[in-house]
Amino acid sequence: MNLPMIRAILVDDEPNNTRYVKELLQQHFPAVDIAAICNDATEGMLLIDEMQPQLVFMDVEMPGLNGFEVLQQLEPLGFEVIFITAYNHYAVQAFEANAAGYLTKPLAVDKFIKVTATAIQKIEKDEINRNLFSMLQHNGAKETNNKIALPTQTGFHFVQSNDIIYLESNGNYTQFYLQHNRKITVSRQIGEYEKLLPADVFVRTHDKYIINIECLTEYMRGNGGDVKLQNGVVLPVSMRRKDNLLLRFEKWMKRK
C-alpha cells in the first residue's frame, strides 16, 4: 500500500536545532515532508492546530510556553510527538504525555534515527488501519446483513448492527454496548458512527449517546427526558434532541 508523505512540524526556539533536525530528516527520512519550522512556541501551537501534522518535533524549554503546555492546549492530540531537550529530568513527563520518543541535546544520530523510525511506523500503521476501516465500512454499508467493523487493538471485530443497544462517547473513544452484556471500546469518535449506522434505527439522543430505537422500552418525560433500554440502562435525553427522538420513534412505529 502506497502511503502519502508524512507531514511534520519542527518547533524549537533555537534555529540551529531546527536546522539540524531538518538535515537529519532529509538525509534519513525522505518520506517526511517538513511542512513548517517554528522558533516560537505560540506560533508553533497555532500552526500545528491549522496544518494538522502527523509528526511534531518539540523542544521542551521555550520562552512563553514550554512543550508540555503547548500539547495541553492542543488536546486531544492527533499526531505523534518527539520531544527534544537538553534536560534528562523531563523524560518521565514526556512519556506521561504519550510522546512517541524523547531525545536529548546534542542529538545522537543513531538515537534520532531509532526514535523517528518508531514514530513513523506508528503513523503508517494508523494510516493503514484508517484506510482499512474506511474500506470495511464502505463495503459493509452495501451488505444486507448490516454488519459493522469495530477496530480494536488486535484487529477488527464485526458485529450485526441489530446487536448494538447503544453507544457512549468518551472523548476520542466510543463504547459499544451490545446484546448479552458485551462491550467493545474503539478508538474513534462517536460522530463517525452516527454517519455509518442505519439512520432509521439509530438516533442521537445526547452528545454522549446514540441508541438503537428497537431496544427502547420506555421514554420518561422531563426537560429532555430519559430513555430506558432493554438492558435496563437509563440514559438522559438532551433538550435539543428530544423532538428529533420522538419524531424518529414515531416514524419507526409506522413502519412496524
C-alpha atoms as a PDB file:
ATOM      1  CA  MET A   1       0.000   0.000   0.000  1.00  0.00           C
ATOM      2  CA  ASN A   2       1.471   3.356  -1.041  1.00  0.00           C
ATOM      3  CA  LEU A   3       1.191   5.782   1.852  1.00  0.00           C
ATOM      4  CA  PRO A   4       1.335   9.573   1.409  1.00  0.00           C
ATOM      5  CA  MET A   5       4.198  11.700   2.682  1.00  0.00           C
ATOM      6  CA  ILE A   6       4.238  12.187   6.438  1.00  0.00           C
ATOM      7  CA  ARG A   7       3.642  15.834   7.308  1.00  0.00           C
ATOM      8  CA  ALA A   8       5.924  17.140  10.086  1.00  0.00           C
ATOM      9  CA  ILE A   9       6.412  20.397  12.002  1.00  0.00           C
ATOM     10  CA  LEU A  10       9.554  21.341  13.926  1.00  0.00           C
ATOM     11  CA  VAL A  11       9.178  23.594  16.981  1.00  0.00           C
ATOM     12  CA  ASP A  12      12.306  24.819  18.803  1.00  0.00           C
ATOM     13  CA  ASP A  13      13.311  28.330  19.844  1.00  0.00           C
ATOM     14  CA  GLU A  14      16.912  27.666  18.729  1.00  0.00           C
ATOM     15  CA  PRO A  15      17.213  27.906  14.906  1.00  0.00           C
ATOM     16  CA  ASN A  16      20.413  25.820  14.900  1.00  0.00           C
ATOM     17  CA  ASN A  17      18.490  22.908  16.372  1.00  0.00           C
ATOM     18  CA  THR A  18      15.643  23.027  13.852  1.00  0.00           C
ATOM     19  CA  ARG A  19      18.158  23.267  11.010  1.00  0.00           C
ATOM     20  CA  TYR A  20      19.943  20.170  12.283  1.00  0.00           C
ATOM     21  CA  VAL A  21      16.719  18.177  12.697  1.00  0.00           C
ATOM     22  CA  LYS A  22      15.718  19.218   9.176  1.00  0.00           C
ATOM     23  CA  GLU A  23      19.061  17.973   7.809  1.00  0.00           C
ATOM     24  CA  LEU A  24      18.707  14.635   9.613  1.00  0.00           C
ATOM     25  CA  LEU A  25      15.171  14.136   8.318  1.00  0.00           C
ATOM     26  CA  GLN A  26      16.136  14.977   4.750  1.00  0.00           C
ATOM     27  CA  GLN A  27      19.097  12.603   4.936  1.00  0.00           C
ATOM     28  CA  HIS A  28      17.480   9.614   6.650  1.00  0.00           C
ATOM     29  CA  PHE A  29      13.699  10.010   6.188  1.00  0.00           C
ATOM     30  CA  PRO A  30      12.822  11.321   2.709  1.00  0.00           C
ATOM     31  CA  ALA A  31       9.202  10.264   3.231  1.00  0.00           C
ATOM     32  CA  VAL A  32       8.825  13.043   5.827  1.00  0.00           C
ATOM     33  CA  ASP A  33       7.589  16.340   4.421  1.00  0.00           C
ATOM     34  CA  ILE A  34       8.635  19.254   6.667  1.00  0.00           C
ATOM     35  CA  ALA A  35       5.532  21.432   6.454  1.00  0.00           C
ATOM     36  CA  ALA A  36       6.749  24.165   8.821  1.00  0.00           C
ATOM     37  CA  ILE A  37       9.621  25.174  11.083  1.00  0.00           C
ATOM     38  CA  CYS A  38       8.832  27.396  14.066  1.00  0.00           C
ATOM     39  CA  ASN A  39      11.187  29.069  16.517  1.00  0.00           C
ATOM     40  CA  ASP A  40       8.366  30.312  18.715  1.00  0.00           C
ATOM     41  CA  ALA A  41       6.129  28.097  20.880  1.00  0.00           C
ATOM     42  CA  THR A  42       2.913  30.084  20.393  1.00  0.00           C
ATOM     43  CA  GLU A  43       3.383  30.264  16.627  1.00  0.00           C
ATOM     44  CA  GLY A  44       4.132  26.551  16.595  1.00  0.00           C
ATOM     45  CA  MET A  45       0.938  25.799  18.510  1.00  0.00           C
ATOM     46  CA  LEU A  46      -1.147  27.802  16.024  1.00  0.00           C
ATOM     47  CA  LEU A  47       0.486  26.154  13.014  1.00  0.00           C
ATOM     48  CA  ILE A  48       0.009  22.670  14.450  1.00  0.00           C
ATOM     49  CA  ASP A  49      -3.668  23.422  15.002  1.00  0.00           C
ATOM     50  CA  GLU A  50      -4.011  24.827  11.468  1.00  0.00           C
ATOM     51  CA  MET A  51      -1.912  22.323   9.494  1.00  0.00           C
ATOM     52  CA  GLN A  52      -2.770  19.133  11.426  1.00  0.00           C
ATOM     53  CA  PRO A  53       0.622  17.410  11.030  1.00  0.00           C
ATOM     54  CA  GLN A  54       1.182  13.725  11.724  1.00  0.00           C
ATOM     55  CA  LEU A  55       4.565  14.209  13.420  1.00  0.00           C
ATOM     56  CA  VAL A  56       5.889  17.036  15.604  1.00  0.00           C
ATOM     57  CA  PHE A  57       9.408  17.542  16.919  1.00  0.00           C
ATOM     58  CA  MET A  58       9.015  19.707  20.014  1.00  0.00           C
ATOM     59  CA  ASP A  59      11.556  21.408  22.251  1.00  0.00           C
ATOM     60  CA  VAL A  60      10.590  21.377  25.919  1.00  0.00           C
ATOM     61  CA  GLU A  61      12.133  24.577  27.282  1.00  0.00           C
ATOM     62  CA  MET A  62      10.990  27.580  25.254  1.00  0.00           C
ATOM     63  CA  PRO A  63      10.123  31.184  26.168  1.00  0.00           C
ATOM     64  CA  GLY A  64       6.471  31.762  26.938  1.00  0.00           C
ATOM     65  CA  LEU A  65       5.074  28.237  26.693  1.00  0.00           C
ATOM     66  CA  ASN A  66       7.022  25.042  27.205  1.00  0.00           C
ATOM     67  CA  GLY A  67       6.445  21.977  25.047  1.00  0.00           C
ATOM     68  CA  PHE A  68       4.099  20.288  27.544  1.00  0.00           C
ATOM     69  CA  GLU A  69       1.940  23.414  27.816  1.00  0.00           C
ATOM     70  CA  VAL A  70       1.694  23.574  24.016  1.00  0.00           C
ATOM     71  CA  LEU A  71       0.388  19.989  23.927  1.00  0.00           C
ATOM     72  CA  GLN A  72      -2.115  20.687  26.704  1.00  0.00           C
ATOM     73  CA  GLN A  73      -3.587  23.484  24.577  1.00  0.00           C
ATOM     74  CA  LEU A  74      -3.906  21.117  21.596  1.00  0.00           C
ATOM     75  CA  GLU A  75      -5.520  18.108  23.319  1.00  0.00           C
ATOM     76  CA  PRO A  76      -6.800  15.716  22.157  1.00  0.00           C
ATOM     77  CA  LEU A  77      -3.663  15.084  20.093  1.00  0.00           C
ATOM     78  CA  GLY A  78      -3.999  13.767  16.559  1.00  0.00           C
ATOM     79  CA  PHE A  79      -0.267  13.412  15.921  1.00  0.00           C
ATOM     80  CA  GLU A  80       2.895  11.747  17.224  1.00  0.00           C
ATOM     81  CA  VAL A  81       5.322  13.969  19.135  1.00  0.00           C
ATOM     82  CA  ILE A  82       9.041  13.591  19.738  1.00  0.00           C
ATOM     83  CA  PHE A  83      10.436  15.814  22.492  1.00  0.00           C
ATOM     84  CA  ILE A  84      13.921  17.274  22.164  1.00  0.00           C
ATOM     85  CA  THR A  85      15.582  18.885  25.180  1.00  0.00           C
ATOM     86  CA  ALA A  86      18.875  19.420  26.952  1.00  0.00           C
ATOM     87  CA  TYR A  87      17.492  18.147  30.264  1.00  0.00           C
ATOM     88  CA  ASN A  88      17.111  14.463  31.150  1.00  0.00           C
ATOM     89  CA  HIS A  89      14.720  15.120  34.023  1.00  0.00           C
ATOM     90  CA  TYR A  90      11.848  15.762  31.587  1.00  0.00           C
ATOM     91  CA  ALA A  91      11.877  12.146  30.380  1.00  0.00           C
ATOM     92  CA  VAL A  92       9.155  10.855  32.726  1.00  0.00           C
ATOM     93  CA  GLN A  93       6.882  13.803  31.974  1.00  0.00           C
ATOM     94  CA  ALA A  94       7.420  13.274  28.242  1.00  0.00           C
ATOM     95  CA  PHE A  95       6.236   9.688  28.397  1.00  0.00           C
ATOM     96  CA  GLU A  96       3.305  10.653  30.612  1.00  0.00           C
ATOM     97  CA  ALA A  97       2.328  12.947  27.745  1.00  0.00           C
ATOM     98  CA  ASN A  98       2.323   9.857  25.472  1.00  0.00           C
ATOM     99  CA  ALA A  99       5.292  11.079  23.455  1.00  0.00           C
ATOM    100  CA  ALA A 100       6.492   8.742  20.719  1.00  0.00           C
ATOM    101  CA  GLY A 101      10.057   9.468  21.772  1.00  0.00           C
ATOM    102  CA  TYR A 102      12.437  11.600  23.774  1.00  0.00           C
ATOM    103  CA  LEU A 103      15.799  12.941  22.568  1.00  0.00           C
ATOM    104  CA  THR A 104      18.439  14.895  24.469  1.00  0.00           C
ATOM    105  CA  LYS A 105      20.735  17.559  23.081  1.00  0.00           C
ATOM    106  CA  PRO A 106      23.217  17.298  21.494  1.00  0.00           C
ATOM    107  CA  LEU A 107      21.383  14.846  19.282  1.00  0.00           C
ATOM    108  CA  ALA A 108      22.916  11.430  18.759  1.00  0.00           C
ATOM    109  CA  VAL A 109      22.232  10.435  15.160  1.00  0.00           C
ATOM    110  CA  ASP A 110      21.640   6.735  15.893  1.00  0.00           C
ATOM    111  CA  LYS A 111      19.137   7.553  18.637  1.00  0.00           C
ATOM    112  CA  PHE A 112      17.421  10.114  16.396  1.00  0.00           C
ATOM    113  CA  ILE A 113      17.035   7.520  13.632  1.00  0.00           C
ATOM    114  CA  LYS A 114      15.674   4.887  16.042  1.00  0.00           C
ATOM    115  CA  VAL A 115      13.126   7.158  17.723  1.00  0.00           C
ATOM    116  CA  THR A 116      11.955   8.748  14.461  1.00  0.00           C
ATOM    117  CA  ALA A 117      11.607   5.371  12.736  1.00  0.00           C
ATOM    118  CA  THR A 118       9.446   4.121  15.621  1.00  0.00           C
ATOM    119  CA  ALA A 119       7.183   7.183  15.382  1.00  0.00           C
ATOM    120  CA  ILE A 120       6.843   6.776  11.607  1.00  0.00           C
ATOM    121  CA  GLN A 121       5.920   3.096  11.990  1.00  0.00           C
ATOM    122  CA  LYS A 122       3.115   4.078  14.380  1.00  0.00           C
ATOM    123  CA  ILE A 123       1.870   6.729  11.965  1.00  0.00           C
ATOM    124  CA  GLU A 124       1.916   4.348   8.999  1.00  0.00           C
ATOM    125  CA  LYS A 125       0.153   1.640  10.992  1.00  0.00           C
ATOM    126  CA  ASP A 126      -2.566   4.106  11.998  1.00  0.00           C
ATOM    127  CA  GLU A 127      -2.909   5.212   8.357  1.00  0.00           C
ATOM    128  CA  ILE A 128      -3.275   1.616   7.171  1.00  0.00           C
ATOM    129  CA  ASN A 129      -5.863   0.964   9.875  1.00  0.00           C
ATOM    130  CA  ARG A 130      -7.792   4.100   8.889  1.00  0.00           C
ATOM    131  CA  ASN A 131      -7.813   3.081   5.237  1.00  0.00           C
ATOM    132  CA  LEU A 132      -8.867  -0.450   6.115  1.00  0.00           C
ATOM    133  CA  PHE A 133     -11.546   0.901   8.454  1.00  0.00           C
ATOM    134  CA  SER A 134     -12.963   3.119   5.704  1.00  0.00           C
ATOM    135  CA  MET A 135     -12.893   0.279   3.183  1.00  0.00           C
ATOM    136  CA  LEU A 136     -14.603  -2.158   5.543  1.00  0.00           C
ATOM    137  CA  GLN A 137     -17.289   0.333   6.477  1.00  0.00           C
ATOM    138  CA  HIS A 138     -17.899   1.289   2.849  1.00  0.00           C
ATOM    139  CA  ASN A 139     -18.241  -2.344   1.841  1.00  0.00           C
ATOM    140  CA  GLY A 140     -20.279  -3.124   4.934  1.00  0.00           C
ATOM    141  CA  ALA A 141     -22.775  -0.413   4.037  1.00  0.00           C
ATOM    142  CA  LYS A 142     -23.597  -2.371   0.891  1.00  0.00           C
ATOM    143  CA  GLU A 143     -24.266  -5.575   2.779  1.00  0.00           C
ATOM    144  CA  THR A 144     -27.824  -6.528   3.537  1.00  0.00           C
ATOM    145  CA  ASN A 145     -26.862  -8.023   6.915  1.00  0.00           C
ATOM    146  CA  ASN A 146     -25.798  -4.558   8.204  1.00  0.00           C
ATOM    147  CA  LYS A 147     -22.535  -5.684   9.731  1.00  0.00           C
ATOM    148  CA  ILE A 148     -20.239  -3.016  11.118  1.00  0.00           C
ATOM    149  CA  ALA A 149     -16.465  -3.289  11.659  1.00  0.00           C
ATOM    150  CA  LEU A 150     -15.173  -2.106  15.035  1.00  0.00           C
ATOM    151  CA  PRO A 151     -11.385  -1.548  15.156  1.00  0.00           C
ATOM    152  CA  THR A 152      -9.746  -2.962  18.288  1.00  0.00           C
ATOM    153  CA  GLN A 153      -6.131  -3.269  19.438  1.00  0.00           C
ATOM    154  CA  THR A 154      -5.880  -6.712  17.866  1.00  0.00           C
ATOM    155  CA  GLY A 155      -7.696  -6.056  14.586  1.00  0.00           C
ATOM    156  CA  PHE A 156     -11.392  -5.677  13.725  1.00  0.00           C
ATOM    157  CA  HIS A 157     -14.470  -7.038  15.466  1.00  0.00           C
ATOM    158  CA  PHE A 158     -17.539  -7.477  13.256  1.00  0.00           C
ATOM    159  CA  VAL A 159     -20.975  -7.081  14.814  1.00  0.00           C
ATOM    160  CA  GLN A 160     -24.504  -7.008  13.466  1.00  0.00           C
ATOM    161  CA  SER A 161     -25.995  -3.535  13.839  1.00  0.00           C
ATOM    162  CA  ASN A 162     -29.098  -5.009  15.498  1.00  0.00           C
ATOM    163  CA  ASP A 163     -26.846  -6.409  18.243  1.00  0.00           C
ATOM    164  CA  ILE A 164     -25.943  -2.850  19.280  1.00  0.00           C
ATOM    165  CA  ILE A 165     -28.073  -1.475  22.122  1.00  0.00           C
ATOM    166  CA  TYR A 166     -26.384   1.903  22.457  1.00  0.00           C
ATOM    167  CA  LEU A 167     -23.131   3.813  22.001  1.00  0.00           C
ATOM    168  CA  GLU A 168     -21.441   6.052  24.539  1.00  0.00           C
ATOM    169  CA  SER A 169     -18.898   8.757  23.730  1.00  0.00           C
ATOM    170  CA  ASN A 170     -15.744   9.021  25.818  1.00  0.00           C
ATOM    171  CA  GLY A 171     -13.684  11.741  24.137  1.00  0.00           C
ATOM    172  CA  ASN A 172     -11.788  10.179  21.246  1.00  0.00           C
ATOM    173  CA  TYR A 173     -13.165   6.748  22.156  1.00  0.00           C
ATOM    174  CA  THR A 174     -16.590   5.175  21.692  1.00  0.00           C
ATOM    175  CA  GLN A 175     -18.004   2.332  23.779  1.00  0.00           C
ATOM    176  CA  PHE A 176     -20.427  -0.073  22.121  1.00  0.00           C
ATOM    177  CA  TYR A 177     -22.893  -1.800  24.443  1.00  0.00           C
ATOM    178  CA  LEU A 178     -24.135  -4.993  22.831  1.00  0.00           C
ATOM    179  CA  GLN A 179     -26.614  -7.770  23.489  1.00  0.00           C
ATOM    180  CA  HIS A 180     -25.659 -10.370  26.134  1.00  0.00           C
ATOM    181  CA  ASN A 181     -23.786  -7.796  28.274  1.00  0.00           C
ATOM    182  CA  ARG A 182     -20.927  -7.430  25.807  1.00  0.00           C
ATOM    183  CA  LYS A 183     -18.973  -4.183  25.497  1.00  0.00           C
ATOM    184  CA  ILE A 184     -16.383  -3.107  22.917  1.00  0.00           C
ATOM    185  CA  THR A 185     -14.298   0.084  23.110  1.00  0.00           C
ATOM    186  CA  VAL A 186     -12.952   1.574  19.888  1.00  0.00           C
ATOM    187  CA  SER A 187     -10.552   4.481  19.372  1.00  0.00           C
ATOM    188  CA  ARG A 188     -12.857   6.535  17.181  1.00  0.00           C
ATOM    189  CA  GLN A 189     -15.238   9.383  17.934  1.00  0.00           C
ATOM    190  CA  ILE A 190     -18.947   8.700  18.181  1.00  0.00           C
ATOM    191  CA  GLY A 191     -19.725  11.107  15.318  1.00  0.00           C
ATOM    192  CA  GLU A 192     -18.148   8.708  12.815  1.00  0.00           C
ATOM    193  CA  TYR A 193     -20.653   6.020  13.764  1.00  0.00           C
ATOM    194  CA  GLU A 194     -23.598   8.408  13.720  1.00  0.00           C
ATOM    195  CA  LYS A 195     -22.948   8.704   9.961  1.00  0.00           C
ATOM    196  CA  LEU A 196     -22.401   4.971   9.413  1.00  0.00           C
ATOM    197  CA  LEU A 197     -25.214   3.331  11.367  1.00  0.00           C
ATOM    198  CA  PRO A 198     -28.691   2.968   9.772  1.00  0.00           C
ATOM    199  CA  ALA A 199     -30.390   6.330  10.309  1.00  0.00           C
ATOM    200  CA  ASP A 200     -33.850   4.770  10.519  1.00  0.00           C
ATOM    201  CA  VAL A 201     -32.882   2.724  13.604  1.00  0.00           C
ATOM    202  CA  PHE A 202     -30.125   4.618  15.429  1.00  0.00           C
ATOM    203  CA  VAL A 203     -30.731   8.078  16.856  1.00  0.00           C
ATOM    204  CA  ARG A 204     -28.505  10.544  18.719  1.00  0.00           C
ATOM    205  CA  THR A 205     -30.271  11.324  21.985  1.00  0.00           C
ATOM    206  CA  HIS A 206     -27.437  13.212  23.674  1.00  0.00           C
ATOM    207  CA  ASP A 207     -23.919  14.451  22.882  1.00  0.00           C
ATOM    208  CA  LYS A 208     -22.714  11.309  24.652  1.00  0.00           C
ATOM    209  CA  TYR A 209     -25.243   8.731  23.420  1.00  0.00           C
ATOM    210  CA  ILE A 210     -26.675   7.058  20.330  1.00  0.00           C
ATOM    211  CA  ILE A 211     -29.405   4.491  20.938  1.00  0.00           C
ATOM    212  CA  ASN A 212     -30.985   1.687  18.936  1.00  0.00           C
ATOM    213  CA  ILE A 213     -34.691   2.562  18.792  1.00  0.00           C
ATOM    214  CA  GLU A 214     -35.578  -1.121  18.599  1.00  0.00           C
ATOM    215  CA  CYS A 215     -34.038  -1.539  22.075  1.00  0.00           C
ATOM    216  CA  LEU A 216     -36.095   1.292  23.589  1.00  0.00           C
ATOM    217  CA  THR A 217     -38.557   0.104  26.248  1.00  0.00           C
ATOM    218  CA  GLU A 218     -39.637   3.355  27.912  1.00  0.00           C
ATOM    219  CA  TYR A 219     -39.456   7.132  27.479  1.00  0.00           C
ATOM    220  CA  MET A 220     -39.828   9.160  30.683  1.00  0.00           C
ATOM    221  CA  ARG A 221     -40.880  12.776  30.327  1.00  0.00           C
ATOM    222  CA  GLY A 222     -38.825  15.666  31.695  1.00  0.00           C
ATOM    223  CA  ASN A 223     -36.927  18.701  30.373  1.00  0.00           C
ATOM    224  CA  GLY A 224     -35.298  16.422  27.861  1.00  0.00           C
ATOM    225  CA  GLY A 225     -36.484  13.228  29.429  1.00  0.00           C
ATOM    226  CA  ASP A 226     -34.846   9.847  29.843  1.00  0.00           C
ATOM    227  CA  VAL A 227     -34.946   6.624  27.881  1.00  0.00           C
ATOM    228  CA  LYS A 228     -34.854   3.134  29.302  1.00  0.00           C
ATOM    229  CA  LEU A 229     -33.345   0.400  27.143  1.00  0.00           C
ATOM    230  CA  GLN A 230     -33.972  -3.343  27.120  1.00  0.00           C
ATOM    231  CA  ASN A 231     -30.806  -3.997  29.153  1.00  0.00           C
ATOM    232  CA  GLY A 232     -32.236  -1.849  31.965  1.00  0.00           C
ATOM    233  CA  VAL A 233     -29.919   1.111  31.393  1.00  0.00           C
ATOM    234  CA  VAL A 234     -31.481   4.575  31.726  1.00  0.00           C
ATOM    235  CA  LEU A 235     -29.924   7.371  29.652  1.00  0.00           C
ATOM    236  CA  PRO A 236     -30.657  11.104  29.548  1.00  0.00           C
ATOM    237  CA  VAL A 237     -32.105  12.849  26.507  1.00  0.00           C
ATOM    238  CA  SER A 238     -30.870  16.386  25.880  1.00  0.00           C
ATOM    239  CA  MET A 239     -33.455  19.137  25.385  1.00  0.00           C
ATOM    240  CA  ARG A 240     -32.285  19.940  21.862  1.00  0.00           C
ATOM    241  CA  ARG A 241     -32.514  16.283  20.759  1.00  0.00           C
ATOM    242  CA  LYS A 242     -35.862  15.434  22.375  1.00  0.00           C
ATOM    243  CA  ASP A 243     -38.100  16.416  19.436  1.00  0.00           C
ATOM    244  CA  ASN A 244     -35.940  14.535  16.954  1.00  0.00           C
ATOM    245  CA  LEU A 245     -36.056  11.400  19.113  1.00  0.00           C
ATOM    246  CA  LEU A 246     -39.846  11.474  19.347  1.00  0.00           C
ATOM    247  CA  LEU A 247     -40.190  12.159  15.604  1.00  0.00           C
ATOM    248  CA  ARG A 248     -37.819   9.323  14.710  1.00  0.00           C
ATOM    249  CA  PHE A 249     -39.630   6.965  17.088  1.00  0.00           C
ATOM    250  CA  GLU A 250     -42.976   7.865  15.510  1.00  0.00           C
ATOM    251  CA  LYS A 251     -41.620   7.108  12.020  1.00  0.00           C
ATOM    252  CA  TRP A 252     -40.162   3.852  13.242  1.00  0.00           C
ATOM    253  CA  MET A 253     -43.523   2.821  14.750  1.00  0.00           C
ATOM    254  CA  LYS A 254     -45.308   3.487  11.466  1.00  0.00           C
ATOM    255  CA  ARG A 255     -43.040   1.035   9.686  1.00  0.00           C
ATOM    256  CA  LYS A 256     -43.964  -1.729  12.108  1.00  0.00           C
END
